[in-house]
Every structure is written in C-alpha cells, then in structure tokens.
C-alpha cells in the first residue's frame, strides 16, 4: 500500500487501529485456548502440554503431528 500519501496523523491512527485489532484477536485466542485446555486437546493430540501444542500449531498452521494414536474420537472412528 502506498503509505507516502498519508499524513503523519493518519499513519499513527492506522498503527493504533492495527494494535487494537491485534489486541482483540489475542484476547479471543486466549479464550479459545482456555476452552481447548479444559478439553485437554493438547494431551489428546500427544503434546506434553498446551504451550507446546500451541507453539507447534502456530509453527505449522495446523494441528501438530505426533506419534500418538490420535484422540479418543479418532480411535473410535478407526475401530468402527
């Protein structure tokens, strides 16, 4: 985007707006992680804890690949 045509005030306002957006998204992410933690998603996926699960998820953009046989739901699907 061509930011040179914007005033200093407009650029500062854009930065502030972006910071608010990131803050809102971070707050929502924390709420989601709290629910995932209560559901013990990390251990079901074979990660030792939620922090490592979240880090692996953030790095890959998807659920971490582990050597575990999968979640209980996955195991039930496989046995049906």
N, C-alpha and C. Protein backbone atom coordinates (compact mmCIF):
# COMPACT_ATOMS: atom_id res chain seq x y z
N UNK A 1 0.85 -1.17 0.00
CA UNK A 1 0.00 0.00 0.00
C UNK A 1 0.90 1.23 0.00
N UNK A 2 0.51 2.27 -0.69
CA UNK A 2 1.30 3.49 -0.78
C UNK A 2 1.08 4.41 0.41
N UNK A 3 1.87 4.23 1.45
CA UNK A 3 1.69 4.99 2.69
C UNK A 3 2.21 6.42 2.59
N UNK A 4 2.99 6.73 1.59
CA UNK A 4 3.57 8.07 1.47
C UNK A 4 2.52 9.16 1.32
N UNK A 5 1.37 8.84 0.77
CA UNK A 5 0.33 9.84 0.57
C UNK A 5 -0.48 10.15 1.81
N UNK A 6 -0.22 9.45 2.89
CA UNK A 6 -0.96 9.66 4.14
C UNK A 6 -0.25 10.67 5.03
N UNK A 7 -1.03 11.38 5.82
CA UNK A 7 -0.44 12.31 6.78
C UNK A 7 0.14 11.51 7.94
N UNK A 8 1.00 12.16 8.70
CA UNK A 8 1.56 11.53 9.89
C UNK A 8 0.46 11.11 10.85
N UNK A 9 -0.52 11.97 11.03
CA UNK A 9 -1.64 11.65 11.91
C UNK A 9 -2.40 10.42 11.42
N UNK A 10 -2.63 10.34 10.12
CA UNK A 10 -3.34 9.18 9.56
C UNK A 10 -2.54 7.90 9.77
N UNK A 11 -1.22 7.98 9.59
CA UNK A 11 -0.38 6.80 9.79
C UNK A 11 -0.40 6.35 11.25
N UNK A 12 -0.33 7.33 12.16
CA UNK A 12 -0.39 7.00 13.58
C UNK A 12 -1.73 6.38 13.95
N UNK A 13 -2.80 6.89 13.38
CA UNK A 13 -4.13 6.34 13.64
C UNK A 13 -4.24 4.91 13.08
N UNK A 14 -3.64 4.67 11.94
CA UNK A 14 -3.65 3.32 11.35
C UNK A 14 -2.89 2.35 12.24
N UNK A 15 -1.73 2.78 12.75
CA UNK A 15 -0.97 1.93 13.68
C UNK A 15 -1.78 1.61 14.92
N UNK A 16 -2.42 2.62 15.47
CA UNK A 16 -3.24 2.42 16.67
C UNK A 16 -4.39 1.46 16.39
N UNK A 17 -5.02 1.63 15.27
CA UNK A 17 -6.12 0.75 14.88
C UNK A 17 -5.63 -0.69 14.75
N UNK A 18 -4.48 -0.87 14.12
CA UNK A 18 -3.91 -2.22 13.96
C UNK A 18 -3.58 -2.84 15.30
N UNK A 19 -3.06 -2.04 16.23
CA UNK A 19 -2.74 -2.56 17.56
C UNK A 19 -4.00 -3.01 18.28
N UNK A 20 -5.08 -2.26 18.13
CA UNK A 20 -6.35 -2.66 18.75
C UNK A 20 -6.86 -3.96 18.15
N UNK A 21 -6.75 -4.08 16.84
CA UNK A 21 -7.19 -5.32 16.19
C UNK A 21 -6.39 -6.52 16.70
N UNK A 22 -5.07 -6.36 16.78
CA UNK A 22 -4.24 -7.45 17.28
C UNK A 22 -4.59 -7.79 18.72
N UNK A 23 -4.84 -6.78 19.52
CA UNK A 23 -5.21 -6.99 20.92
C UNK A 23 -6.52 -7.76 21.03
N UNK A 24 -7.49 -7.38 20.22
CA UNK A 24 -8.78 -8.08 20.23
C UNK A 24 -8.62 -9.53 19.80
N UNK A 25 -7.81 -9.77 18.78
CA UNK A 25 -7.58 -11.13 18.31
C UNK A 25 -6.84 -11.94 19.36
N UNK A 26 -5.84 -11.34 20.01
CA UNK A 26 -5.11 -12.03 21.07
C UNK A 26 -6.04 -12.41 22.22
N UNK A 27 -6.93 -11.52 22.59
CA UNK A 27 -7.89 -11.81 23.67
C UNK A 27 -8.80 -12.97 23.28
N UNK A 28 -9.25 -12.98 22.04
CA UNK A 28 -10.10 -14.06 21.57
C UNK A 28 -9.33 -15.38 21.54
N UNK A 29 -8.07 -15.32 21.09
CA UNK A 29 -7.24 -16.52 21.09
C UNK A 29 -7.09 -17.10 22.50
N UNK A 30 -6.92 -16.23 23.49
CA UNK A 30 -6.79 -16.70 24.87
C UNK A 30 -8.06 -17.41 25.34
N UNK A 31 -9.21 -16.86 24.98
CA UNK A 31 -10.48 -17.50 25.34
C UNK A 31 -10.59 -18.88 24.70
N UNK A 32 -10.20 -18.98 23.45
CA UNK A 32 -10.25 -20.26 22.73
C UNK A 32 -9.28 -21.25 23.37
N UNK A 33 -8.06 -20.79 23.69
CA UNK A 33 -7.07 -21.67 24.31
C UNK A 33 -7.54 -22.16 25.68
N UNK A 34 -8.25 -21.34 26.42
CA UNK A 34 -8.79 -21.77 27.71
C UNK A 34 -9.77 -22.93 27.53
N UNK A 35 -10.61 -22.84 26.51
CA UNK A 35 -11.57 -23.92 26.24
C UNK A 35 -10.82 -25.18 25.79
N UNK A 36 -9.85 -25.01 24.90
CA UNK A 36 -9.07 -26.16 24.44
C UNK A 36 -8.32 -26.81 25.60
N UNK A 37 -7.83 -25.99 26.52
CA UNK A 37 -7.13 -26.51 27.68
C UNK A 37 -8.08 -27.33 28.55
N UNK A 38 -9.28 -26.82 28.77
CA UNK A 38 -10.26 -27.58 29.56
C UNK A 38 -10.61 -28.90 28.89
N UNK A 39 -10.60 -28.91 27.59
CA UNK A 39 -10.92 -30.14 26.84
C UNK A 39 -9.71 -31.06 26.72
N UNK A 40 -8.57 -30.63 27.21
CA UNK A 40 -7.32 -31.39 27.19
C UNK A 40 -6.93 -31.81 25.77
N UNK A 41 -7.09 -30.89 24.84
CA UNK A 41 -6.77 -31.15 23.44
C UNK A 41 -5.29 -31.48 23.27
N UNK A 42 -4.45 -30.76 23.97
CA UNK A 42 -3.00 -30.96 23.81
C UNK A 42 -2.59 -32.39 24.13
N UNK A 43 -3.02 -32.89 25.28
CA UNK A 43 -2.63 -34.24 25.66
C UNK A 43 -3.30 -35.29 24.77
N UNK A 44 -4.50 -35.01 24.31
CA UNK A 44 -5.17 -35.95 23.40
C UNK A 44 -4.43 -36.04 22.08
N UNK A 45 -3.77 -34.95 21.68
CA UNK A 45 -3.00 -34.94 20.44
C UNK A 45 -1.57 -35.39 20.64
N UNK A 46 -1.20 -35.74 21.88
CA UNK A 46 0.13 -36.26 22.15
C UNK A 46 1.16 -35.22 22.56
N UNK A 47 0.76 -33.99 22.72
CA UNK A 47 1.69 -32.96 23.19
C UNK A 47 1.78 -33.02 24.71
N UNK A 48 2.95 -32.70 25.28
CA UNK A 48 3.08 -32.77 26.72
C UNK A 48 2.26 -31.73 27.48
N UNK A 49 2.00 -30.59 26.83
CA UNK A 49 1.22 -29.54 27.49
C UNK A 49 0.66 -28.59 26.43
N UNK A 50 -0.23 -27.70 26.87
CA UNK A 50 -0.90 -26.78 25.95
C UNK A 50 0.08 -25.81 25.30
N UNK A 51 1.09 -25.38 26.04
CA UNK A 51 2.08 -24.44 25.48
C UNK A 51 2.79 -25.04 24.28
N UNK A 52 3.25 -26.28 24.42
CA UNK A 52 3.94 -26.92 23.30
C UNK A 52 2.98 -27.22 22.15
N UNK A 53 1.75 -27.58 22.47
CA UNK A 53 0.75 -27.82 21.43
C UNK A 53 0.48 -26.54 20.65
N UNK A 54 0.30 -25.43 21.38
CA UNK A 54 0.03 -24.14 20.73
C UNK A 54 1.21 -23.69 19.89
N UNK A 55 2.42 -23.89 20.39
CA UNK A 55 3.61 -23.50 19.63
C UNK A 55 3.72 -24.31 18.34
N UNK A 56 3.48 -25.61 18.43
CA UNK A 56 3.54 -26.45 17.24
C UNK A 56 2.43 -26.09 16.26
N UNK A 57 1.27 -25.77 16.77
CA UNK A 57 0.15 -25.37 15.93
C UNK A 57 0.46 -24.06 15.22
N UNK A 58 1.05 -23.12 15.94
CA UNK A 58 1.38 -21.82 15.37
C UNK A 58 2.44 -21.97 14.29
N UNK A 59 3.42 -22.85 14.50
CA UNK A 59 4.50 -23.03 13.54
C UNK A 59 4.02 -23.69 12.25
N UNK A 60 3.12 -24.66 12.36
CA UNK A 60 2.69 -25.42 11.19
C UNK A 60 1.41 -24.88 10.57
N UNK A 61 0.66 -24.11 11.33
CA UNK A 61 -0.63 -23.61 10.83
C UNK A 61 -1.72 -24.67 10.90
N UNK A 62 -1.43 -25.81 11.51
CA UNK A 62 -2.42 -26.86 11.67
C UNK A 62 -2.12 -27.62 12.95
N UNK A 63 -2.94 -28.64 13.22
CA UNK A 63 -2.70 -29.44 14.42
C UNK A 63 -1.32 -30.09 14.32
N UNK A 64 -0.62 -30.17 15.44
CA UNK A 64 0.71 -30.79 15.41
C UNK A 64 0.62 -32.28 15.09
N UNK A 65 1.61 -32.76 14.37
CA UNK A 65 1.68 -34.18 14.05
C UNK A 65 2.48 -34.84 15.17
N UNK A 66 1.90 -35.83 15.80
CA UNK A 66 2.56 -36.51 16.89
C UNK A 66 2.60 -38.00 16.61
N UNK A 67 3.31 -38.71 17.44
CA UNK A 67 3.40 -40.15 17.27
C UNK A 67 2.29 -40.88 18.01
N UNK A 68 1.38 -40.12 18.62
CA UNK A 68 0.30 -40.76 19.37
C UNK A 68 -0.72 -41.36 18.41
N UNK A 69 -1.51 -42.30 18.87
CA UNK A 69 -2.51 -42.92 18.01
C UNK A 69 -3.69 -42.02 17.70
N UNK A 70 -3.70 -40.80 18.21
CA UNK A 70 -4.81 -39.87 17.94
C UNK A 70 -5.69 -39.70 19.15
N UNK A 71 -6.70 -38.88 18.97
CA UNK A 71 -7.63 -38.63 20.07
C UNK A 71 -8.57 -39.81 20.23
N UNK A 72 -9.29 -39.83 21.34
CA UNK A 72 -10.26 -40.90 21.56
C UNK A 72 -11.30 -40.93 20.45
N UNK A 73 -11.70 -39.76 19.97
CA UNK A 73 -12.68 -39.71 18.88
C UNK A 73 -12.09 -40.33 17.62
N UNK A 74 -10.80 -40.05 17.37
CA UNK A 74 -10.14 -40.64 16.21
C UNK A 74 -10.07 -42.16 16.35
N UNK A 75 -9.75 -42.63 17.56
CA UNK A 75 -9.63 -44.07 17.78
C UNK A 75 -10.99 -44.74 17.61
N UNK A 76 -12.05 -44.10 18.09
CA UNK A 76 -13.38 -44.68 17.96
C UNK A 76 -13.78 -44.76 16.49
N UNK A 77 -13.43 -43.74 15.73
CA UNK A 77 -13.75 -43.73 14.29
C UNK A 77 -13.01 -44.85 13.59
N UNK A 78 -11.76 -45.09 13.99
CA UNK A 78 -10.95 -46.12 13.34
C UNK A 78 -11.45 -47.52 13.66
N UNK A 79 -12.06 -47.71 14.84
CA UNK A 79 -12.49 -49.04 15.23
C UNK A 79 -13.89 -49.37 14.75
N UNK A 80 -14.60 -48.37 14.25
CA UNK A 80 -15.98 -48.62 13.80
C UNK A 80 -15.99 -49.24 12.43
